[in-house]
Amino acid sequence: SVQKVHGSEASIRRIREKYDPDLESMEGAACFYVCMLEGVPFLQIRAISNYVEPRNRDNWEIGLAIDKLNEILVGFFASLGNGA
């Protein structure tokens, strides 16, 4: 969504007023942009560990996010083998 993570109340308020997001994604933006410019198909599968809220790493659920990502990827790659 942007080039930074919003962790302060003021920046969260501004971004919520403008876009009303549930989450932020930064890492795939550059790859997506280059692929779009070059006409290369691109898929980003994300695991969500935290939401747009004041920065509190105790709320981050990284282990759960990785488990869910693994679950999705196993199913995705299995479907490719079945001609889906």
N, C-alpha and C. Protein backbone atom coordinates (compact mmCIF):
# COMPACT_ATOMS: atom_id res chain seq x y z
N SER A 1 0.81 -1.19 0.00
CA SER A 1 0.00 0.00 0.00
C SER A 1 0.85 1.26 0.00
N VAL A 2 1.95 1.23 0.73
CA VAL A 2 2.76 2.43 0.90
C VAL A 2 4.22 2.04 1.08
N GLN A 3 5.07 3.04 1.23
CA GLN A 3 6.49 2.79 1.40
C GLN A 3 6.90 2.72 2.86
N LYS A 4 5.95 2.68 3.78
CA LYS A 4 6.28 2.60 5.20
C LYS A 4 5.15 1.94 5.96
N VAL A 5 5.46 1.47 7.14
CA VAL A 5 4.44 0.92 8.02
C VAL A 5 3.98 2.04 8.94
N HIS A 6 2.69 2.12 9.14
CA HIS A 6 2.13 3.17 10.00
C HIS A 6 2.01 2.63 11.42
N GLY A 7 2.77 3.19 12.33
CA GLY A 7 2.76 2.72 13.70
C GLY A 7 2.27 3.73 14.71
N SER A 8 2.21 5.00 14.34
CA SER A 8 1.77 6.03 15.29
C SER A 8 0.29 6.32 15.09
N GLU A 9 -0.34 6.77 16.15
CA GLU A 9 -1.77 7.10 16.07
C GLU A 9 -2.06 8.13 14.98
N ALA A 10 -1.20 9.14 14.85
CA ALA A 10 -1.44 10.20 13.86
C ALA A 10 -1.37 9.66 12.44
N SER A 11 -0.36 8.85 12.13
CA SER A 11 -0.25 8.33 10.76
C SER A 11 -1.34 7.31 10.47
N ILE A 12 -1.72 6.53 11.47
CA ILE A 12 -2.82 5.57 11.29
C ILE A 12 -4.12 6.32 11.01
N ARG A 13 -4.37 7.38 11.74
CA ARG A 13 -5.60 8.17 11.53
C ARG A 13 -5.64 8.73 10.11
N ARG A 14 -4.51 9.27 9.64
CA ARG A 14 -4.47 9.84 8.28
C ARG A 14 -4.72 8.76 7.22
N ILE A 15 -4.08 7.61 7.37
CA ILE A 15 -4.23 6.56 6.35
C ILE A 15 -5.64 5.96 6.40
N ARG A 16 -6.21 5.86 7.60
CA ARG A 16 -7.58 5.33 7.71
C ARG A 16 -8.59 6.29 7.10
N GLU A 17 -8.40 7.58 7.32
CA GLU A 17 -9.32 8.57 6.74
C GLU A 17 -9.26 8.55 5.22
N LYS A 18 -8.08 8.34 4.67
CA LYS A 18 -7.91 8.39 3.23
C LYS A 18 -8.29 7.07 2.54
N TYR A 19 -7.90 5.92 3.12
CA TYR A 19 -8.06 4.63 2.43
C TYR A 19 -8.91 3.61 3.18
N ASP A 20 -9.09 3.76 4.48
CA ASP A 20 -9.80 2.80 5.32
C ASP A 20 -9.26 1.38 5.15
N PRO A 21 -7.95 1.16 5.31
CA PRO A 21 -7.38 -0.17 5.09
C PRO A 21 -7.55 -1.08 6.30
N ASP A 22 -7.53 -2.37 6.05
CA ASP A 22 -7.47 -3.36 7.12
C ASP A 22 -6.03 -3.77 7.38
N LEU A 23 -5.21 -3.73 6.34
CA LEU A 23 -3.82 -4.15 6.46
C LEU A 23 -2.95 -3.37 5.50
N GLU A 24 -1.64 -3.52 5.67
CA GLU A 24 -0.68 -2.84 4.80
C GLU A 24 0.22 -3.88 4.15
N SER A 25 0.62 -3.63 2.94
CA SER A 25 1.55 -4.50 2.23
C SER A 25 2.56 -3.62 1.52
N MET A 26 3.83 -3.84 1.79
CA MET A 26 4.87 -3.03 1.16
C MET A 26 5.78 -3.88 0.28
N GLU A 27 6.10 -5.09 0.73
CA GLU A 27 7.17 -5.86 0.14
C GLU A 27 6.96 -6.23 -1.32
N GLY A 28 5.74 -6.48 -1.74
CA GLY A 28 5.49 -6.92 -3.10
C GLY A 28 5.30 -5.80 -4.10
N ALA A 29 5.21 -4.57 -3.65
CA ALA A 29 4.87 -3.45 -4.53
C ALA A 29 5.87 -3.25 -5.65
N ALA A 30 7.15 -3.28 -5.36
CA ALA A 30 8.17 -3.05 -6.40
C ALA A 30 8.16 -4.17 -7.42
N CYS A 31 8.05 -5.40 -6.97
CA CYS A 31 8.01 -6.54 -7.89
C CYS A 31 6.76 -6.47 -8.77
N PHE A 32 5.63 -6.17 -8.16
CA PHE A 32 4.39 -6.04 -8.91
C PHE A 32 4.50 -4.95 -9.97
N TYR A 33 5.08 -3.82 -9.61
CA TYR A 33 5.21 -2.69 -10.53
C TYR A 33 6.08 -3.05 -11.73
N VAL A 34 7.22 -3.67 -11.48
CA VAL A 34 8.12 -4.06 -12.58
C VAL A 34 7.45 -5.10 -13.47
N CYS A 35 6.80 -6.08 -12.87
CA CYS A 35 6.11 -7.10 -13.67
C CYS A 35 5.00 -6.48 -14.51
N MET A 36 4.28 -5.52 -13.94
CA MET A 36 3.23 -4.83 -14.68
C MET A 36 3.82 -4.08 -15.88
N LEU A 37 4.92 -3.37 -15.65
CA LEU A 37 5.56 -2.63 -16.74
C LEU A 37 6.07 -3.54 -17.84
N GLU A 38 6.58 -4.71 -17.46
CA GLU A 38 7.16 -5.64 -18.42
C GLU A 38 6.16 -6.65 -18.97
N GLY A 39 4.93 -6.61 -18.51
CA GLY A 39 3.92 -7.54 -18.99
C GLY A 39 4.13 -8.97 -18.51
N VAL A 40 4.75 -9.13 -17.36
CA VAL A 40 5.03 -10.46 -16.80
C VAL A 40 3.95 -10.79 -15.77
N PRO A 41 3.30 -11.95 -15.91
CA PRO A 41 2.29 -12.32 -14.91
C PRO A 41 2.91 -12.38 -13.51
N PHE A 42 2.13 -11.99 -12.52
CA PHE A 42 2.65 -11.89 -11.16
C PHE A 42 1.55 -12.27 -10.18
N LEU A 43 1.93 -13.06 -9.20
CA LEU A 43 1.01 -13.45 -8.14
C LEU A 43 1.71 -13.25 -6.81
N GLN A 44 1.04 -12.59 -5.90
CA GLN A 44 1.58 -12.42 -4.56
C GLN A 44 0.63 -13.10 -3.59
N ILE A 45 1.16 -14.03 -2.83
CA ILE A 45 0.39 -14.69 -1.78
C ILE A 45 0.96 -14.22 -0.46
N ARG A 46 0.14 -13.59 0.34
CA ARG A 46 0.60 -12.96 1.58
C ARG A 46 0.11 -13.71 2.81
N ALA A 47 0.89 -13.66 3.85
CA ALA A 47 0.46 -14.11 5.17
C ALA A 47 0.33 -12.86 6.02
N ILE A 48 -0.78 -12.71 6.69
CA ILE A 48 -1.04 -11.51 7.49
C ILE A 48 -0.73 -11.83 8.95
N SER A 49 0.20 -11.08 9.52
CA SER A 49 0.55 -11.30 10.93
C SER A 49 0.09 -10.15 11.82
N ASN A 50 -0.16 -9.00 11.23
CA ASN A 50 -0.59 -7.85 12.02
C ASN A 50 -1.39 -6.90 11.14
N TYR A 51 -2.14 -6.05 11.78
CA TYR A 51 -3.06 -5.15 11.08
C TYR A 51 -2.65 -3.70 11.28
N VAL A 52 -3.38 -2.80 10.65
CA VAL A 52 -3.11 -1.37 10.79
C VAL A 52 -3.58 -0.96 12.19
N GLU A 53 -2.62 -0.80 13.06
CA GLU A 53 -2.88 -0.45 14.45
C GLU A 53 -1.60 0.11 15.04
N PRO A 54 -1.68 0.72 16.20
CA PRO A 54 -0.43 1.19 16.83
C PRO A 54 0.55 0.02 16.97
N ARG A 55 1.81 0.29 16.70
CA ARG A 55 2.84 -0.74 16.70
C ARG A 55 2.91 -1.44 18.05
N ASN A 56 2.62 -2.73 18.08
CA ASN A 56 2.73 -3.55 19.28
C ASN A 56 3.07 -4.96 18.83
N ARG A 57 4.34 -5.29 18.86
CA ARG A 57 4.79 -6.59 18.36
C ARG A 57 4.20 -7.75 19.15
N ASP A 58 3.73 -7.51 20.35
CA ASP A 58 3.09 -8.58 21.12
C ASP A 58 1.80 -9.04 20.47
N ASN A 59 1.17 -8.19 19.65
CA ASN A 59 -0.06 -8.55 18.95
C ASN A 59 0.20 -9.30 17.65
N TRP A 60 1.43 -9.30 17.18
CA TRP A 60 1.75 -9.93 15.91
C TRP A 60 1.66 -11.45 16.07
N GLU A 61 1.02 -12.08 15.12
CA GLU A 61 0.85 -13.54 15.14
C GLU A 61 1.64 -14.15 13.98
N ILE A 62 2.95 -14.02 14.04
CA ILE A 62 3.80 -14.46 12.94
C ILE A 62 3.75 -15.97 12.76
N GLY A 63 3.80 -16.73 13.84
CA GLY A 63 3.73 -18.19 13.73
C GLY A 63 2.45 -18.65 13.06
N LEU A 64 1.33 -18.09 13.47
CA LEU A 64 0.04 -18.43 12.86
C LEU A 64 0.02 -18.04 11.39
N ALA A 65 0.56 -16.87 11.07
CA ALA A 65 0.60 -16.42 9.68
C ALA A 65 1.42 -17.37 8.81
N ILE A 66 2.55 -17.82 9.32
CA ILE A 66 3.40 -18.76 8.57
C ILE A 66 2.69 -20.09 8.39
N ASP A 67 2.03 -20.58 9.43
CA ASP A 67 1.28 -21.83 9.32
C ASP A 67 0.19 -21.73 8.26
N LYS A 68 -0.55 -20.63 8.26
CA LYS A 68 -1.63 -20.45 7.28
C LYS A 68 -1.07 -20.30 5.86
N LEU A 69 0.04 -19.58 5.72
CA LEU A 69 0.67 -19.45 4.41
C LEU A 69 1.11 -20.81 3.89
N ASN A 70 1.72 -21.62 4.74
CA ASN A 70 2.14 -22.95 4.35
C ASN A 70 0.94 -23.79 3.90
N GLU A 71 -0.15 -23.71 4.64
CA GLU A 71 -1.36 -24.44 4.31
C GLU A 71 -1.88 -24.05 2.92
N ILE A 72 -1.91 -22.76 2.64
CA ILE A 72 -2.38 -22.27 1.34
C ILE A 72 -1.44 -22.70 0.23
N LEU A 73 -0.13 -22.57 0.45
CA LEU A 73 0.84 -22.92 -0.59
C LEU A 73 0.81 -24.41 -0.92
N VAL A 74 0.68 -25.26 0.08
CA VAL A 74 0.59 -26.70 -0.17
C VAL A 74 -0.61 -26.99 -1.06
N GLY A 75 -1.76 -26.41 -0.75
CA GLY A 75 -2.95 -26.61 -1.57
C GLY A 75 -2.80 -26.03 -2.96
N PHE A 76 -2.19 -24.85 -3.06
CA PHE A 76 -1.99 -24.20 -4.35
C PHE A 76 -1.11 -25.05 -5.26
N PHE A 77 0.04 -25.49 -4.75
CA PHE A 77 0.94 -26.28 -5.58
C PHE A 77 0.35 -27.65 -5.90
N ALA A 78 -0.42 -28.23 -4.99
CA ALA A 78 -1.09 -29.49 -5.28
C ALA A 78 -2.10 -29.32 -6.41
N SER A 79 -2.79 -28.19 -6.44
CA SER A 79 -3.78 -27.97 -7.50
C SER A 79 -3.11 -27.81 -8.86
N LEU A 80 -1.89 -27.31 -8.90
CA LEU A 80 -1.17 -27.19 -10.17
C LEU A 80 -0.85 -28.56 -10.74
N GLY A 81 -0.57 -29.52 -9.87
CA GLY A 81 -0.27 -30.87 -10.32
C GLY A 81 -1.47 -31.62 -10.82
N ASN A 82 -2.67 -31.13 -10.51
CA ASN A 82 -3.91 -31.78 -10.93
C ASN A 82 -4.50 -31.14 -12.18
N GLY A 83 -3.74 -30.29 -12.84
CA GLY A 83 -4.23 -29.66 -14.06
C GLY A 83 -5.21 -28.53 -13.81
N ALA A 84 -5.30 -28.07 -12.59
CA ALA A 84 -6.23 -26.98 -12.27
C ALA A 84 -5.71 -25.66 -12.76
